[in-house]
């Protein structure tokens, strides 16, 4: 019984400490470029370390960006894995299951469910300014 419990603990520990696969120097440069673009976007990596990404897909979710990035995978065998969607590094998770929880709306501002929000503490010192609405006579 102890062996079974210990094996279960080790398997949990392995899953819990899984980290993002390291990027090659070329893929890291490509990922830095990828981060400059807005949603919807997806970054894929082939087994040999080559990368591809797609940005600017329309729609409420990044499915089209993921499909386009995988379609243009550098490994024509189609064995690329999705490394990141928008600004969320997946660490081996399924991209559809990795969506962050939605933030509550702030007035007319709405959070993007596929754009990870860090919360108000991470925004310390942030100033939000708006023209607002003028009063109609």
N, C-alpha and C. Protein backbone atom coordinates (compact mmCIF):
# COMPACT_ATOMS: atom_id res chain seq x y z
N UNK A 1 0.83 -1.18 0.00
CA UNK A 1 0.00 0.00 0.00
C UNK A 1 0.88 1.26 0.00
N UNK A 2 1.97 1.20 0.78
CA UNK A 2 2.88 2.34 0.84
C UNK A 2 3.48 2.62 -0.54
N UNK A 3 3.87 1.55 -1.27
CA UNK A 3 4.46 1.72 -2.60
C UNK A 3 3.47 2.38 -3.55
N UNK A 4 2.22 1.97 -3.47
CA UNK A 4 1.19 2.54 -4.34
C UNK A 4 1.00 4.03 -4.04
N UNK A 5 0.94 4.38 -2.76
CA UNK A 5 0.77 5.77 -2.37
C UNK A 5 1.99 6.60 -2.78
N UNK A 6 3.18 6.03 -2.62
CA UNK A 6 4.41 6.73 -2.99
C UNK A 6 4.48 6.95 -4.50
N UNK A 7 4.10 5.93 -5.27
CA UNK A 7 4.09 6.05 -6.73
C UNK A 7 3.08 7.11 -7.18
N UNK A 8 1.94 7.15 -6.54
CA UNK A 8 0.94 8.15 -6.86
C UNK A 8 1.47 9.56 -6.54
N UNK A 9 2.14 9.69 -5.42
CA UNK A 9 2.73 10.97 -5.03
C UNK A 9 3.77 11.41 -6.06
N UNK A 10 4.64 10.50 -6.49
CA UNK A 10 5.67 10.84 -7.47
C UNK A 10 5.06 11.25 -8.81
N UNK A 11 3.99 10.55 -9.24
CA UNK A 11 3.36 10.92 -10.50
C UNK A 11 2.73 12.31 -10.39
N UNK A 12 2.13 12.63 -9.25
CA UNK A 12 1.57 13.96 -9.04
C UNK A 12 2.67 15.01 -9.04
N UNK A 13 3.76 14.72 -8.39
CA UNK A 13 4.87 15.66 -8.31
C UNK A 13 5.44 15.93 -9.70
N UNK A 14 5.53 14.92 -10.54
CA UNK A 14 6.05 15.07 -11.89
C UNK A 14 5.14 15.98 -12.70
N UNK A 15 3.82 15.77 -12.61
CA UNK A 15 2.87 16.59 -13.35
C UNK A 15 2.89 18.02 -12.81
N UNK A 16 2.94 18.18 -11.49
CA UNK A 16 2.86 19.51 -10.89
C UNK A 16 4.09 20.36 -11.19
N UNK A 17 5.24 19.73 -11.42
CA UNK A 17 6.46 20.51 -11.65
C UNK A 17 6.84 20.58 -13.12
N UNK A 18 5.94 20.15 -14.02
CA UNK A 18 6.25 20.23 -15.44
C UNK A 18 6.44 21.69 -15.83
N UNK A 19 7.47 21.95 -16.60
CA UNK A 19 7.72 23.33 -16.99
C UNK A 19 7.71 23.42 -18.51
N UNK A 20 7.71 24.63 -18.98
CA UNK A 20 7.71 24.85 -20.41
C UNK A 20 8.99 24.29 -21.01
N UNK A 21 8.85 23.71 -22.22
CA UNK A 21 10.03 23.18 -22.87
C UNK A 21 10.95 24.34 -23.20
N UNK A 22 12.25 24.15 -23.05
CA UNK A 22 13.18 25.24 -23.36
C UNK A 22 13.15 25.54 -24.85
N UNK A 23 13.28 26.80 -25.20
CA UNK A 23 13.29 27.22 -26.59
C UNK A 23 14.72 27.34 -27.09
N UNK A 24 14.94 26.98 -28.35
CA UNK A 24 16.25 27.19 -28.97
C UNK A 24 16.47 28.70 -29.10
N UNK A 25 17.68 29.11 -29.39
CA UNK A 25 17.99 30.54 -29.53
C UNK A 25 17.13 31.17 -30.63
N UNK A 26 17.00 30.47 -31.74
CA UNK A 26 16.19 30.98 -32.85
C UNK A 26 14.71 31.08 -32.45
N UNK A 27 14.21 30.05 -31.78
CA UNK A 27 12.81 30.06 -31.34
C UNK A 27 12.57 31.14 -30.29
N UNK A 28 13.55 31.39 -29.41
CA UNK A 28 13.41 32.44 -28.40
C UNK A 28 13.32 33.81 -29.05
N UNK A 29 14.10 34.04 -30.11
CA UNK A 29 14.01 35.31 -30.84
C UNK A 29 12.64 35.45 -31.51
N UNK A 30 12.17 34.34 -32.07
CA UNK A 30 10.86 34.35 -32.70
C UNK A 30 9.75 34.59 -31.67
N UNK A 31 9.91 34.01 -30.47
CA UNK A 31 8.93 34.21 -29.40
C UNK A 31 8.93 35.66 -28.93
N UNK A 32 10.08 36.30 -28.90
CA UNK A 32 10.15 37.72 -28.53
C UNK A 32 9.38 38.57 -29.54
N UNK A 33 9.50 38.25 -30.83
CA UNK A 33 8.71 38.95 -31.85
C UNK A 33 7.22 38.66 -31.68
N UNK A 34 6.89 37.42 -31.40
CA UNK A 34 5.50 36.99 -31.20
C UNK A 34 4.83 37.80 -30.09
N UNK A 35 5.57 38.09 -29.04
CA UNK A 35 5.01 38.81 -27.90
C UNK A 35 4.67 40.25 -28.21
N UNK A 36 5.16 40.79 -29.30
CA UNK A 36 4.87 42.18 -29.67
C UNK A 36 3.51 42.34 -30.34
N UNK A 37 2.90 41.24 -30.75
CA UNK A 37 1.64 41.30 -31.47
C UNK A 37 0.47 41.08 -30.51
N UNK A 38 -0.68 41.57 -30.91
CA UNK A 38 -1.89 41.43 -30.09
C UNK A 38 -2.65 40.16 -30.41
N UNK A 39 -3.74 39.97 -29.69
CA UNK A 39 -4.54 38.75 -29.91
C UNK A 39 -5.25 38.84 -31.26
N UNK A 40 -5.69 37.76 -31.72
CA UNK A 40 -5.50 36.40 -31.26
C UNK A 40 -4.22 35.85 -31.89
N UNK A 41 -3.42 35.12 -31.12
CA UNK A 41 -2.14 34.64 -31.61
C UNK A 41 -1.79 33.29 -30.98
N UNK A 42 -0.94 32.52 -31.69
CA UNK A 42 -0.51 31.21 -31.21
C UNK A 42 0.94 30.98 -31.64
N UNK A 43 1.71 30.31 -30.77
CA UNK A 43 3.12 30.02 -31.01
C UNK A 43 3.30 28.51 -30.91
N UNK A 44 3.85 27.88 -31.95
CA UNK A 44 4.06 26.43 -31.96
C UNK A 44 5.54 26.11 -32.12
N UNK A 45 5.95 24.96 -31.60
CA UNK A 45 7.35 24.51 -31.65
C UNK A 45 7.38 23.08 -32.17
N UNK A 46 8.30 22.83 -33.09
CA UNK A 46 8.48 21.47 -33.61
C UNK A 46 9.44 20.69 -32.71
N UNK A 47 9.47 19.37 -32.82
CA UNK A 47 10.38 18.58 -31.98
C UNK A 47 11.85 18.94 -32.14
N UNK A 48 12.23 19.44 -33.32
CA UNK A 48 13.64 19.82 -33.51
C UNK A 48 13.94 21.26 -33.08
N UNK A 49 12.96 21.94 -32.46
CA UNK A 49 13.20 23.26 -31.90
C UNK A 49 12.84 24.43 -32.79
N UNK A 50 12.40 24.16 -34.02
CA UNK A 50 11.99 25.26 -34.90
C UNK A 50 10.61 25.74 -34.48
N UNK A 51 10.37 27.02 -34.69
CA UNK A 51 9.12 27.61 -34.22
C UNK A 51 8.37 28.30 -35.34
N UNK A 52 7.08 28.47 -35.14
CA UNK A 52 6.22 29.22 -36.03
C UNK A 52 5.14 29.87 -35.19
N UNK A 53 4.63 30.98 -35.65
CA UNK A 53 3.54 31.62 -34.93
C UNK A 53 2.60 32.31 -35.89
N UNK A 54 1.42 32.59 -35.38
CA UNK A 54 0.41 33.25 -36.16
C UNK A 54 -0.26 34.28 -35.27
N UNK A 55 -0.46 35.48 -35.78
CA UNK A 55 -1.10 36.54 -34.99
C UNK A 55 -2.12 37.27 -35.85
N UNK A 56 -3.08 37.87 -35.18
CA UNK A 56 -4.07 38.70 -35.85
C UNK A 56 -5.30 37.97 -36.32
N UNK A 57 -5.51 36.75 -35.86
CA UNK A 57 -6.73 36.03 -36.23
C UNK A 57 -7.93 36.69 -35.56
N UNK A 58 -9.03 36.75 -36.26
CA UNK A 58 -10.21 37.39 -35.70
C UNK A 58 -11.04 36.38 -34.91
N UNK A 59 -11.97 36.88 -34.16
CA UNK A 59 -12.87 36.02 -33.41
C UNK A 59 -12.70 36.17 -31.92
N UNK A 60 -13.62 35.57 -31.19
CA UNK A 60 -13.62 35.68 -29.73
C UNK A 60 -12.61 34.76 -29.06
N UNK A 61 -12.19 33.70 -29.74
CA UNK A 61 -11.17 32.82 -29.16
C UNK A 61 -10.05 32.61 -30.18
N UNK A 62 -8.91 32.13 -29.72
CA UNK A 62 -7.74 32.02 -30.60
C UNK A 62 -7.70 30.75 -31.44
N UNK A 63 -8.81 30.06 -31.62
CA UNK A 63 -8.82 28.81 -32.37
C UNK A 63 -8.28 28.94 -33.78
N UNK A 64 -8.62 30.02 -34.49
CA UNK A 64 -8.13 30.20 -35.85
C UNK A 64 -6.62 30.43 -35.87
N UNK A 65 -6.11 31.15 -34.88
CA UNK A 65 -4.66 31.37 -34.80
C UNK A 65 -3.93 30.06 -34.52
N UNK A 66 -4.47 29.25 -33.62
CA UNK A 66 -3.85 27.95 -33.32
C UNK A 66 -3.85 27.07 -34.57
N UNK A 67 -4.98 27.02 -35.28
CA UNK A 67 -5.08 26.20 -36.49
C UNK A 67 -4.09 26.68 -37.55
N UNK A 68 -3.97 28.00 -37.74
CA UNK A 68 -3.04 28.53 -38.74
C UNK A 68 -1.58 28.27 -38.37
N UNK A 69 -1.24 28.43 -37.09
CA UNK A 69 0.13 28.18 -36.66
C UNK A 69 0.49 26.71 -36.84
N UNK A 70 -0.43 25.82 -36.49
CA UNK A 70 -0.17 24.38 -36.65
C UNK A 70 -0.10 23.99 -38.13
N UNK A 71 -0.92 24.62 -38.95
CA UNK A 71 -0.92 24.33 -40.39
C UNK A 71 0.43 24.70 -41.01
N UNK A 72 1.03 25.77 -40.53
CA UNK A 72 2.32 26.24 -41.05
C UNK A 72 3.49 25.75 -40.21
N UNK A 73 3.30 24.67 -39.51
CA UNK A 73 4.33 24.08 -38.66
C UNK A 73 5.60 23.81 -39.46
N UNK A 74 6.77 24.18 -38.92
CA UNK A 74 8.03 23.93 -39.63
C UNK A 74 8.28 22.44 -39.88
N UNK A 75 7.73 21.58 -39.03
CA UNK A 75 7.86 20.14 -39.21
C UNK A 75 6.68 19.68 -40.05
N UNK A 76 6.91 19.42 -41.32
CA UNK A 76 5.81 19.08 -42.23
C UNK A 76 5.12 17.77 -41.84
N UNK A 77 5.69 17.04 -40.88
CA UNK A 77 5.03 15.84 -40.37
C UNK A 77 3.87 16.18 -39.45
N UNK A 78 3.76 17.45 -39.09
CA UNK A 78 2.64 17.90 -38.27
C UNK A 78 2.77 17.58 -36.80
N UNK A 79 3.99 17.45 -36.30
CA UNK A 79 4.13 17.08 -34.89
C UNK A 79 4.49 18.27 -34.01
N UNK A 80 4.13 19.49 -34.44
CA UNK A 80 4.38 20.66 -33.61
C UNK A 80 3.45 20.65 -32.41
N UNK A 81 3.92 21.25 -31.32
CA UNK A 81 3.09 21.41 -30.14
C UNK A 81 2.84 22.90 -29.92
N UNK A 82 1.68 23.21 -29.37
CA UNK A 82 1.34 24.60 -29.10
C UNK A 82 2.06 25.00 -27.82
N UNK A 83 2.94 25.98 -27.93
CA UNK A 83 3.75 26.45 -26.80
C UNK A 83 3.02 27.54 -26.02
N UNK A 84 2.39 28.47 -26.75
CA UNK A 84 1.70 29.58 -26.08
C UNK A 84 0.52 30.03 -26.92
N UNK A 85 -0.50 30.51 -26.23
CA UNK A 85 -1.67 31.13 -26.86
C UNK A 85 -1.82 32.50 -26.23
N UNK A 86 -1.85 33.53 -27.07
CA UNK A 86 -1.83 34.92 -26.62
C UNK A 86 -0.68 35.09 -25.65
N UNK A 87 -0.88 35.45 -24.41
CA UNK A 87 0.27 35.58 -23.50
C UNK A 87 0.29 34.49 -22.44
N UNK A 88 -0.29 33.34 -22.75
CA UNK A 88 -0.35 32.22 -21.80
C UNK A 88 0.55 31.10 -22.30
N UNK A 89 1.66 30.83 -21.57
CA UNK A 89 2.53 29.70 -21.88
C UNK A 89 1.84 28.46 -21.33
N UNK A 90 1.67 27.45 -22.16
CA UNK A 90 0.81 26.32 -21.81
C UNK A 90 1.46 25.27 -20.92
N UNK A 91 2.77 25.12 -20.94
CA UNK A 91 3.45 24.11 -20.13
C UNK A 91 2.84 22.72 -20.32
N UNK A 92 2.53 22.38 -21.56
CA UNK A 92 2.00 21.05 -21.87
C UNK A 92 0.50 20.91 -21.73
N UNK A 93 -0.19 21.93 -21.24
CA UNK A 93 -1.65 21.85 -21.10
C UNK A 93 -2.33 22.01 -22.45
N UNK A 94 -3.54 21.53 -22.55
CA UNK A 94 -4.36 21.75 -23.73
C UNK A 94 -4.73 23.22 -23.78
N UNK A 95 -4.59 23.86 -24.93
CA UNK A 95 -4.82 25.31 -25.00
C UNK A 95 -6.25 25.69 -24.67
N UNK A 96 -7.20 24.81 -24.97
CA UNK A 96 -8.61 25.13 -24.68
C UNK A 96 -8.88 25.10 -23.18
N UNK A 97 -8.14 24.29 -22.45
CA UNK A 97 -8.35 24.18 -21.00
C UNK A 97 -7.55 25.23 -20.22
N UNK A 98 -6.69 25.96 -20.90
CA UNK A 98 -5.80 26.89 -20.20
C UNK A 98 -6.35 28.31 -20.10
N UNK A 99 -7.58 28.51 -20.51
CA UNK A 99 -8.13 29.86 -20.45
C UNK A 99 -8.22 30.35 -19.01
N UNK A 100 -7.76 31.56 -18.76
CA UNK A 100 -7.85 32.10 -17.40
C UNK A 100 -9.29 32.48 -17.07
N UNK A 101 -9.57 32.61 -15.80
CA UNK A 101 -10.91 33.03 -15.40
C UNK A 101 -11.12 34.48 -15.81
N UNK A 102 -12.34 34.81 -16.12
CA UNK A 102 -12.67 36.16 -16.56
C UNK A 102 -12.61 37.14 -15.41
N UNK A 103 -12.16 38.33 -15.71
CA UNK A 103 -12.16 39.40 -14.73
C UNK A 103 -13.52 40.08 -14.77
N UNK A 104 -13.98 40.62 -13.65
CA UNK A 104 -15.25 41.33 -13.69
C UNK A 104 -15.12 42.62 -14.50
N UNK A 105 -16.18 43.03 -15.18
CA UNK A 105 -16.09 44.25 -15.98
C UNK A 105 -15.91 45.49 -15.10
N UNK A 106 -15.23 46.48 -15.65
CA UNK A 106 -15.03 47.77 -14.98
C UNK A 106 -15.73 48.79 -15.87
N UNK A 107 -16.94 49.16 -15.51
CA UNK A 107 -17.71 50.06 -16.36
C UNK A 107 -17.94 49.43 -17.71
N UNK A 108 -17.54 50.14 -18.76
CA UNK A 108 -17.69 49.59 -20.11
C UNK A 108 -16.50 48.75 -20.53
N UNK A 109 -15.45 48.69 -19.71
CA UNK A 109 -14.28 47.89 -20.02
C UNK A 109 -14.55 46.43 -19.69
N UNK A 110 -14.19 45.54 -20.58
CA UNK A 110 -14.39 44.11 -20.39
C UNK A 110 -13.05 43.40 -20.55
N UNK A 111 -12.78 42.48 -19.64
CA UNK A 111 -11.55 41.69 -19.76
C UNK A 111 -11.65 40.70 -20.90
N UNK A 112 -10.51 40.38 -21.50
CA UNK A 112 -10.46 39.39 -22.55
C UNK A 112 -10.19 38.02 -21.91
N UNK A 113 -11.05 37.04 -22.12
CA UNK A 113 -10.84 35.75 -21.45
C UNK A 113 -9.58 35.03 -21.88
N UNK A 114 -9.03 35.33 -23.06
CA UNK A 114 -7.81 34.67 -23.52
C UNK A 114 -6.59 35.53 -23.29
N UNK A 115 -6.71 36.55 -22.48
CA UNK A 115 -5.58 37.42 -22.17
C UNK A 115 -5.44 37.41 -20.67
N UNK A 116 -4.41 36.77 -20.16
CA UNK A 116 -4.25 36.58 -18.73
C UNK A 116 -4.16 37.92 -18.00
N UNK A 117 -5.01 38.09 -17.01
CA UNK A 117 -5.01 39.31 -16.21
C UNK A 117 -4.31 39.03 -14.89
N UNK A 118 -3.46 39.93 -14.49
CA UNK A 118 -2.67 39.73 -13.27
C UNK A 118 -3.36 40.27 -12.03
N UNK A 119 -4.42 41.06 -12.17
CA UNK A 119 -5.14 41.58 -11.01
C UNK A 119 -4.71 42.98 -10.63
N UNK A 120 -5.45 43.61 -9.74
CA UNK A 120 -5.17 45.01 -9.41
C UNK A 120 -3.84 45.24 -8.71
N UNK A 121 -3.36 44.28 -7.96
CA UNK A 121 -2.07 44.47 -7.27
C UNK A 121 -0.91 44.58 -8.25
N UNK A 122 -1.00 43.84 -9.36
CA UNK A 122 0.06 43.90 -10.36
C UNK A 122 0.01 45.21 -11.15
N UNK A 123 -1.10 45.93 -11.05
CA UNK A 123 -1.26 47.17 -11.79
C UNK A 123 -1.01 48.39 -10.90
N UNK A 124 -0.28 48.21 -9.82
CA UNK A 124 -0.01 49.33 -8.91
C UNK A 124 0.66 50.46 -9.68
N UNK A 125 0.12 51.65 -9.55
CA UNK A 125 0.66 52.81 -10.23
C UNK A 125 0.08 53.04 -11.61
N UNK A 126 -0.79 52.16 -12.08
CA UNK A 126 -1.41 52.30 -13.39
C UNK A 126 -2.47 53.38 -13.33
N UNK A 127 -2.48 54.25 -14.32
CA UNK A 127 -3.49 55.30 -14.40
C UNK A 127 -4.36 55.02 -15.62
N UNK A 128 -5.65 54.91 -15.40
CA UNK A 128 -6.60 54.73 -16.50
C UNK A 128 -7.28 56.06 -16.71
N UNK A 129 -7.17 56.58 -17.94
CA UNK A 129 -7.74 57.88 -18.24
C UNK A 129 -8.68 57.74 -19.42
N UNK A 130 -9.75 58.48 -19.39
CA UNK A 130 -10.72 58.42 -20.47
C UNK A 130 -11.32 59.81 -20.66
N UNK A 131 -11.78 60.07 -21.88
CA UNK A 131 -12.49 61.33 -22.14
C UNK A 131 -13.83 61.34 -21.42
N UNK A 132 -14.41 60.17 -21.27
CA UNK A 132 -15.73 60.09 -20.64
C UNK A 132 -16.81 60.55 -21.59
N UNK A 133 -17.98 60.71 -21.05
CA UNK A 133 -19.13 61.15 -21.83
C UNK A 133 -19.52 62.54 -21.37
N UNK A 134 -19.74 63.42 -22.31
CA UNK A 134 -20.16 64.75 -21.89
C UNK A 134 -21.66 64.77 -21.63
N UNK A 135 -22.04 65.62 -20.80
CA UNK A 135 -23.45 65.75 -20.44
C UNK A 135 -24.19 66.40 -21.61
N UNK A 136 -25.27 65.80 -21.99
CA UNK A 136 -26.08 66.35 -23.10
C UNK A 136 -27.08 67.37 -22.55
N UNK A 137 -27.24 68.53 -23.24
CA UNK A 137 -28.18 69.54 -22.75
C UNK A 137 -29.62 69.11 -22.91
